[in-house]
N, C-alpha and C. Protein backbone atom coordinates (compact mmCIF):
# COMPACT_ATOMS: atom_id res chain seq x y z
N UNK A 1 80.52 75.51 170.48
CA UNK A 1 81.92 75.66 169.81
C UNK A 1 83.22 76.61 170.93
N UNK A 2 84.29 76.80 170.82
CA UNK A 2 85.07 77.81 171.74
C UNK A 2 85.72 78.34 170.48
N UNK A 3 85.95 79.52 170.47
CA UNK A 3 87.07 80.30 169.82
C UNK A 3 87.86 81.11 170.31
N UNK A 4 88.86 81.18 169.54
CA UNK A 4 90.84 82.15 170.39
C UNK A 4 90.61 83.04 170.19
N UNK A 5 91.21 84.33 170.62
CA UNK A 5 91.49 85.38 170.10
C UNK A 5 92.95 85.49 170.25
N UNK A 6 93.23 85.77 169.23
CA UNK A 6 95.32 86.48 169.08
C UNK A 6 94.86 88.04 169.59
N UNK A 7 96.43 87.93 169.95
CA UNK A 7 96.86 89.36 170.69
C UNK A 7 96.56 90.16 169.30
N UNK A 8 96.04 90.46 168.44
CA UNK A 8 95.88 91.79 167.42
C UNK A 8 94.22 91.99 167.74
N UNK A 9 93.49 91.21 167.85
CA UNK A 9 92.17 91.19 168.29
C UNK A 9 91.86 92.19 169.25
N UNK A 10 92.69 91.86 170.74
CA UNK A 10 93.03 92.64 171.82
C UNK A 10 92.81 94.18 171.69
N UNK A 11 94.07 94.09 170.83
CA UNK A 11 95.19 95.78 170.61
C UNK A 11 93.95 96.20 169.49
N UNK A 12 93.35 95.83 168.87
CA UNK A 12 92.32 96.51 167.92
C UNK A 12 91.28 97.17 168.56
N UNK A 13 90.99 96.50 169.77
CA UNK A 13 90.01 96.83 170.37
C UNK A 13 89.97 97.81 171.33
N UNK A 14 91.13 98.59 171.71
CA UNK A 14 91.56 99.19 172.36
C UNK A 14 92.05 100.53 171.57
N UNK A 15 91.99 100.35 170.09
CA UNK A 15 92.51 101.88 169.12
C UNK A 15 91.83 102.85 169.23
N UNK A 16 92.39 103.84 169.43
CA UNK A 16 91.76 105.36 169.27
C UNK A 16 92.52 105.66 167.62
N UNK A 17 93.03 105.26 166.80
CA UNK A 17 93.13 105.72 165.49
C UNK A 17 91.99 105.47 164.55
N UNK A 18 91.37 106.94 164.56
CA UNK A 18 90.42 107.12 163.40
C UNK A 18 90.67 106.31 162.01
N UNK A 19 91.60 105.92 161.55
CA UNK A 19 92.16 104.75 160.50
C UNK A 19 91.66 103.12 160.59
N UNK A 20 92.03 102.76 162.18
CA UNK A 20 91.06 101.83 162.58
C UNK A 20 90.07 101.52 163.09
N UNK A 21 88.98 102.73 163.15
CA UNK A 21 87.78 102.28 163.25
C UNK A 21 86.94 100.91 163.13
N UNK A 22 86.85 100.49 161.59
CA UNK A 22 86.37 99.41 161.33
C UNK A 22 87.00 97.94 162.04
N UNK A 23 88.51 97.84 162.03
CA UNK A 23 88.85 96.86 162.63
C UNK A 23 88.81 97.18 164.42
N UNK A 24 88.69 98.33 164.79
CA UNK A 24 88.25 98.35 166.60
C UNK A 24 86.65 97.85 166.62
N UNK A 25 86.04 98.17 165.78
CA UNK A 25 84.46 97.64 166.10
C UNK A 25 84.60 96.10 165.73
N UNK A 26 84.80 95.70 164.94
CA UNK A 26 85.10 94.67 164.46
C UNK A 26 85.67 93.62 165.72
N UNK A 27 86.51 93.93 166.18
CA UNK A 27 87.33 93.76 167.50
C UNK A 27 86.55 93.62 168.38
N UNK A 28 85.85 94.66 168.74
CA UNK A 28 84.94 94.71 169.73
C UNK A 28 83.76 94.00 169.84
N UNK A 29 83.41 93.51 168.42
CA UNK A 29 82.42 92.85 168.36
C UNK A 29 82.49 91.18 168.85
N UNK A 30 83.74 90.91 168.02
CA UNK A 30 84.18 89.36 168.64
C UNK A 30 84.27 89.14 169.67
N UNK A 31 84.63 89.98 170.49
CA UNK A 31 85.08 89.99 172.04
C UNK A 31 83.78 90.05 173.11
N UNK A 32 82.74 89.90 172.24
CA UNK A 32 81.53 90.34 172.95
C UNK A 32 80.95 88.66 172.93
N UNK A 33 81.64 87.75 172.28
CA UNK A 33 80.83 86.31 172.13
C UNK A 33 81.34 85.52 173.77
N UNK A 34 80.46 85.08 173.94
CA UNK A 34 80.51 84.23 175.46
C UNK A 34 81.74 82.80 175.02
N UNK A 35 81.92 82.38 173.84
CA UNK A 35 82.63 81.34 173.71
C UNK A 35 84.16 81.09 173.69
N UNK A 36 84.62 82.82 173.96
CA UNK A 36 86.12 83.17 173.82
C UNK A 36 87.16 82.47 174.98
N UNK A 37 88.03 82.36 174.12
CA UNK A 37 89.38 82.07 174.91
C UNK A 37 90.64 82.49 174.40
N UNK A 38 91.72 82.58 175.36
CA UNK A 38 92.96 83.31 174.93
C UNK A 38 94.07 82.63 175.70
N UNK A 39 94.93 82.89 175.57
CA UNK A 39 96.32 82.25 176.24
C UNK A 39 97.39 83.13 177.26
N UNK A 40 97.77 82.94 177.88
CA UNK A 40 98.67 83.41 178.58
C UNK A 40 99.92 84.35 177.72
N UNK A 41 100.03 83.72 176.70
CA UNK A 41 100.85 84.42 175.80
C UNK A 41 100.17 85.46 175.14
N UNK A 42 99.07 85.26 174.60
CA UNK A 42 98.07 86.68 174.26
C UNK A 42 98.07 87.67 175.32
N UNK A 43 97.69 87.40 176.60
CA UNK A 43 97.82 88.49 177.49
C UNK A 43 98.92 88.90 177.23
N UNK A 44 100.16 88.51 177.67
CA UNK A 44 101.73 88.94 177.70
C UNK A 44 101.49 89.99 176.35
N UNK A 45 101.59 89.52 175.34
CA UNK A 45 101.86 90.15 174.33
C UNK A 45 100.85 91.21 174.29
N UNK A 46 99.64 91.20 174.46
CA UNK A 46 98.51 92.81 174.69
C UNK A 46 99.57 93.56 175.60
N UNK A 47 99.74 92.75 176.81
CA UNK A 47 100.49 94.17 177.85
C UNK A 47 101.55 94.98 177.38
N UNK A 48 102.82 93.95 176.90
CA UNK A 48 103.87 94.63 176.15
C UNK A 48 103.83 95.35 175.18
N UNK A 49 102.57 95.58 174.33
CA UNK A 49 102.17 96.10 172.81
C UNK A 49 101.36 97.33 173.27
N UNK A 50 100.52 97.11 174.11
CA UNK A 50 99.95 98.59 174.57
C UNK A 50 100.72 99.39 175.55
N UNK A 51 101.71 99.12 176.12
CA UNK A 51 102.50 100.11 177.13
C UNK A 51 103.90 100.24 176.85
N UNK A 52 104.27 100.01 175.62
CA UNK A 52 105.18 99.90 174.74
C UNK A 52 105.13 101.46 174.63
N UNK A 53 106.47 101.99 175.18
CA UNK A 53 107.04 103.91 174.73
C UNK A 53 106.39 104.45 173.57
N UNK A 54 106.72 103.53 172.73
CA UNK A 54 106.39 103.98 171.10
C UNK A 54 105.12 104.30 170.82
N UNK A 55 104.28 103.62 171.42
CA UNK A 55 103.33 103.17 170.74
C UNK A 55 102.33 104.57 170.91
N UNK A 56 101.64 104.79 169.93
CA UNK A 56 100.59 106.06 169.83
C UNK A 56 99.38 105.71 170.78
N UNK A 57 99.01 106.20 171.76
CA UNK A 57 97.78 106.12 172.42
C UNK A 57 98.27 105.33 173.65
N UNK A 58 99.36 105.01 173.77
CA UNK A 58 100.25 104.06 174.83
C UNK A 58 99.06 104.17 176.18
N UNK A 59 98.94 103.20 176.54
CA UNK A 59 98.17 102.86 178.06
C UNK A 59 99.25 102.56 179.17
N UNK A 60 98.69 102.86 180.34
CA UNK A 60 99.62 103.26 181.33
C UNK A 60 99.43 101.91 182.03
N UNK A 61 100.24 101.39 182.93
CA UNK A 61 100.01 99.87 183.82
C UNK A 61 99.07 99.52 183.90
N UNK A 62 98.53 100.61 184.54
CA UNK A 62 96.95 100.44 185.22
C UNK A 62 95.96 99.79 184.51
N UNK A 63 95.95 101.02 183.46
CA UNK A 63 95.16 100.53 182.07
C UNK A 63 95.30 99.34 181.48
N UNK A 64 96.37 98.85 181.04
CA UNK A 64 96.58 97.87 180.39
C UNK A 64 96.65 96.77 181.29
N UNK A 65 96.51 96.28 182.86
CA UNK A 65 96.44 95.31 183.52
C UNK A 65 95.19 95.53 183.93
N UNK A 66 94.26 96.47 184.18
CA UNK A 66 92.87 96.07 183.99
C UNK A 66 92.21 95.26 182.79
N UNK A 67 92.65 95.94 181.70
CA UNK A 67 92.44 94.89 180.18
C UNK A 67 92.65 93.92 180.43
N UNK A 68 93.84 93.32 180.96
CA UNK A 68 94.03 91.90 181.36
C UNK A 68 93.32 91.54 182.26
N UNK A 69 92.85 91.91 183.21
CA UNK A 69 92.45 91.12 184.08
C UNK A 69 90.91 91.07 183.76
N UNK A 70 90.69 91.77 183.16
CA UNK A 70 89.05 91.95 182.25
C UNK A 70 88.70 90.88 181.33
N UNK A 71 89.76 90.59 180.60
CA UNK A 71 89.92 89.21 179.51
C UNK A 71 89.94 87.74 180.39
N UNK A 72 90.21 87.93 181.38
CA UNK A 72 90.50 86.70 182.24
C UNK A 72 89.01 86.27 182.35
N UNK A 73 88.17 86.70 181.96
CA UNK A 73 86.48 86.14 182.47
C UNK A 73 86.38 85.18 180.69
N UNK A 74 87.27 85.09 180.37
CA UNK A 74 87.40 84.22 178.87
C UNK A 74 88.40 83.06 179.64
N UNK A 75 88.32 81.99 178.92
CA UNK A 75 88.82 80.49 178.97
C UNK A 75 90.30 80.82 179.14
N UNK A 76 91.08 80.59 179.74
CA UNK A 76 92.80 81.04 179.52
C UNK A 76 93.86 79.89 179.80
N UNK A 77 94.39 79.55 178.60
CA UNK A 77 95.13 78.46 178.28
C UNK A 77 96.61 78.84 178.59
N UNK A 78 97.17 77.81 179.53
CA UNK A 78 98.60 78.60 180.33
C UNK A 78 99.53 78.21 179.24
N UNK A 79 100.59 78.32 179.49
CA UNK A 79 101.63 78.19 178.86
C UNK A 79 101.99 76.93 179.46
N UNK A 80 102.46 75.97 178.72
CA UNK A 80 102.88 74.74 179.11
C UNK A 80 103.93 73.80 178.18
N UNK A 81 104.52 73.08 179.05
CA UNK A 81 105.29 72.23 178.19
C UNK A 81 104.35 71.51 176.25
N UNK A 82 103.54 70.81 177.05
CA UNK A 82 102.84 70.21 175.70
C UNK A 82 102.24 71.54 174.74
N UNK A 83 102.28 72.61 174.95
CA UNK A 83 101.47 73.87 173.87
C UNK A 83 103.15 74.05 172.82
N UNK A 84 104.27 73.96 173.79
CA UNK A 84 105.58 74.35 173.57
C UNK A 84 105.97 73.49 172.56
N UNK A 85 105.76 72.06 173.10
CA UNK A 85 105.86 71.02 172.15
C UNK A 85 105.19 71.24 170.81
N UNK A 86 103.91 71.41 170.95
CA UNK A 86 103.12 71.27 169.81
C UNK A 86 103.43 72.66 169.06
N UNK A 87 103.97 73.86 169.55
CA UNK A 87 104.17 74.61 168.69
C UNK A 87 105.35 74.94 168.01
N UNK A 88 106.12 73.82 168.55
CA UNK A 88 107.45 73.83 167.60
C UNK A 88 107.12 72.70 166.51
N UNK A 89 106.15 71.71 166.65
CA UNK A 89 105.76 70.81 165.64
C UNK A 89 105.08 71.72 165.02
N UNK A 90 104.17 72.70 165.13
CA UNK A 90 103.45 73.66 164.14
C UNK A 90 104.62 74.29 163.12
N UNK A 91 105.42 74.53 163.95
CA UNK A 91 106.89 75.55 163.09
C UNK A 91 107.00 74.72 162.21
N UNK A 92 107.36 73.81 162.39
CA UNK A 92 108.21 72.61 161.54
C UNK A 92 107.27 72.20 160.62
N UNK A 93 106.06 71.82 160.79
CA UNK A 93 105.29 71.63 159.65
C UNK A 93 104.77 72.49 158.28
N UNK A 94 104.43 74.02 159.32
CA UNK A 94 103.59 74.82 158.55
C UNK A 94 104.62 76.02 158.03
N UNK A 95 105.78 75.84 158.58
CA UNK A 95 106.71 77.09 158.66
C UNK A 95 106.37 78.13 159.07
N UNK A 96 105.52 78.82 160.14
CA UNK A 96 104.79 79.56 160.81
C UNK A 96 105.99 79.90 161.74
N UNK A 97 105.76 81.20 162.15
CA UNK A 97 106.53 81.72 163.06
C UNK A 97 106.46 81.11 164.18
N UNK A 98 107.53 80.72 165.47
CA UNK A 98 107.09 80.11 166.35
C UNK A 98 105.97 80.96 167.29
N UNK A 99 106.15 82.15 167.36
CA UNK A 99 104.81 82.97 168.10
C UNK A 99 103.23 82.59 167.45
N UNK A 100 103.28 82.62 166.25
CA UNK A 100 102.17 81.88 165.76
C UNK A 100 101.73 81.15 165.65
N UNK A 101 102.94 79.95 165.82
CA UNK A 101 102.70 78.42 166.11
C UNK A 101 101.83 78.62 167.48
N UNK A 102 102.96 79.12 168.38
CA UNK A 102 102.43 79.20 169.78
C UNK A 102 100.79 79.10 170.24
N UNK A 103 100.40 80.35 169.18
CA UNK A 103 98.85 80.61 169.40
C UNK A 103 98.00 79.64 168.95
N UNK A 104 98.37 78.69 167.84
CA UNK A 104 97.52 77.85 166.94
C UNK A 104 97.67 76.44 168.34
N UNK A 105 98.92 76.58 168.53
CA UNK A 105 98.87 75.43 169.76
C UNK A 105 98.12 75.73 171.06
N UNK A 106 98.09 76.71 171.55
CA UNK A 106 97.38 77.29 172.63
C UNK A 106 95.67 77.23 172.15
N UNK A 107 95.35 77.24 171.26
CA UNK A 107 94.07 77.34 170.79
C UNK A 107 93.53 75.80 170.39
N UNK A 108 94.57 74.87 170.02
CA UNK A 108 93.96 73.67 169.93
C UNK A 108 93.98 72.81 171.53
N UNK A 109 94.82 73.30 172.10
CA UNK A 109 95.01 72.75 173.41
C UNK A 109 94.01 73.32 174.25
N UNK A 110 93.27 74.31 174.08
CA UNK A 110 92.17 75.19 174.82
C UNK A 110 91.15 74.47 174.19
N UNK A 111 91.14 73.64 173.22
CA UNK A 111 89.68 73.11 172.41
C UNK A 111 88.83 73.70 171.71
N UNK A 112 89.84 74.77 171.09
CA UNK A 112 88.95 75.78 170.11
C UNK A 112 88.91 75.18 168.68
N UNK A 113 88.17 75.86 168.00
CA UNK A 113 87.66 75.13 166.45
C UNK A 113 88.17 76.26 165.71
N UNK A 114 88.17 77.56 166.13
CA UNK A 114 88.48 78.65 165.34
C UNK A 114 89.42 79.50 166.15
N UNK A 115 90.30 80.03 165.24
CA UNK A 115 91.21 81.42 166.11
C UNK A 115 91.05 82.77 165.38
N UNK A 116 90.30 83.53 165.85
CA UNK A 116 90.54 84.79 165.13
C UNK A 116 91.94 85.51 165.14
N UNK A 117 92.10 85.95 164.31
CA UNK A 117 93.55 86.59 163.89
C UNK A 117 93.75 87.03 162.70
N UNK A 118 94.57 88.28 162.39
CA UNK A 118 94.77 88.60 160.86
C UNK A 118 96.05 88.48 160.65
N UNK A 119 96.92 87.81 161.42
CA UNK A 119 98.50 86.97 160.80
C UNK A 119 98.66 85.58 160.35
N UNK A 120 97.15 85.12 159.94
CA UNK A 120 97.47 83.89 159.13
C UNK A 120 96.45 83.63 158.23
N UNK A 121 96.63 82.70 157.33
CA UNK A 121 95.60 82.94 156.31
C UNK A 121 94.31 83.09 156.44
N UNK A 122 93.53 83.33 156.05
CA UNK A 122 91.87 83.20 156.34
C UNK A 122 91.11 82.11 155.83
N UNK A 123 90.97 80.85 156.61
CA UNK A 123 90.33 80.39 155.79
C UNK A 123 90.90 78.78 155.89
N UNK A 124 92.53 78.93 156.19
CA UNK A 124 93.20 77.78 156.31
C UNK A 124 93.07 76.80 157.74
N UNK A 125 92.74 75.91 157.88
CA UNK A 125 92.86 75.00 158.67
C UNK A 125 94.32 74.54 159.37
N UNK A 126 94.69 74.71 160.37
CA UNK A 126 95.88 74.36 161.17
C UNK A 126 95.30 73.16 162.01
N UNK A 127 95.94 71.93 162.23
CA UNK A 127 95.43 71.15 163.15
C UNK A 127 94.26 71.11 163.74
N UNK A 128 93.47 71.31 162.95
CA UNK A 128 91.96 71.35 163.56
C UNK A 128 91.35 72.69 163.90
N UNK A 129 92.01 73.37 163.67
CA UNK A 129 91.66 74.55 163.97
C UNK A 129 91.49 75.77 162.47
N UNK A 130 90.39 76.05 162.52
CA UNK A 130 90.05 76.94 161.35
C UNK A 130 90.71 78.32 161.34
N UNK A 131 90.98 79.44 160.86
CA UNK A 131 91.68 80.42 161.17
C UNK A 131 90.74 81.47 160.06
N UNK A 132 89.96 82.63 160.93
CA UNK A 132 89.41 83.70 160.90
C UNK A 132 89.83 85.09 160.63
N UNK A 133 89.99 85.42 159.96
CA UNK A 133 90.23 86.93 160.01
C UNK A 133 89.26 87.86 160.49
N UNK A 134 89.07 88.14 161.55
CA UNK A 134 87.67 89.20 161.32
C UNK A 134 87.74 90.44 160.84
N UNK A 135 88.78 90.49 160.41
CA UNK A 135 88.92 92.20 159.87
C UNK A 135 88.89 91.73 158.10
N UNK A 136 88.71 90.59 157.56
CA UNK A 136 88.62 90.19 156.45
C UNK A 136 87.55 90.57 155.40
N UNK A 137 87.51 91.15 154.61
CA UNK A 137 86.51 91.95 153.71
C UNK A 137 86.32 90.78 152.61
N UNK A 138 85.10 90.58 152.68
CA UNK A 138 85.17 89.20 151.34
C UNK A 138 84.88 90.09 150.22
């Protein structure tokens, strides 16, 4: 089984905010999985969010690029025309934002059965990919 990591998992894994300690620990736990995948889009979003000037605890270019390099140990799904087309179909069918749809499409293209994210409904199955909120409290 291969699982897909959304940007928010990466962002929480580097958080130094005390109020995000539980999410940071959960994200780091998920990222220890050997069967992970992500996409070029997720890595781009991480870099942009981690280095934005208004971010508390903003990372330098070198720090953020180092994380991006480290996370390429996972399977990385390229942004392709097929992923774009699938994302457009998911947007139309499920009424998700394009960016959420592109993450689902990339997860599906990468052969993932689960998508770890807090941005969609926990437990929902979209195009054969089950949404798992790793920060969800049962």
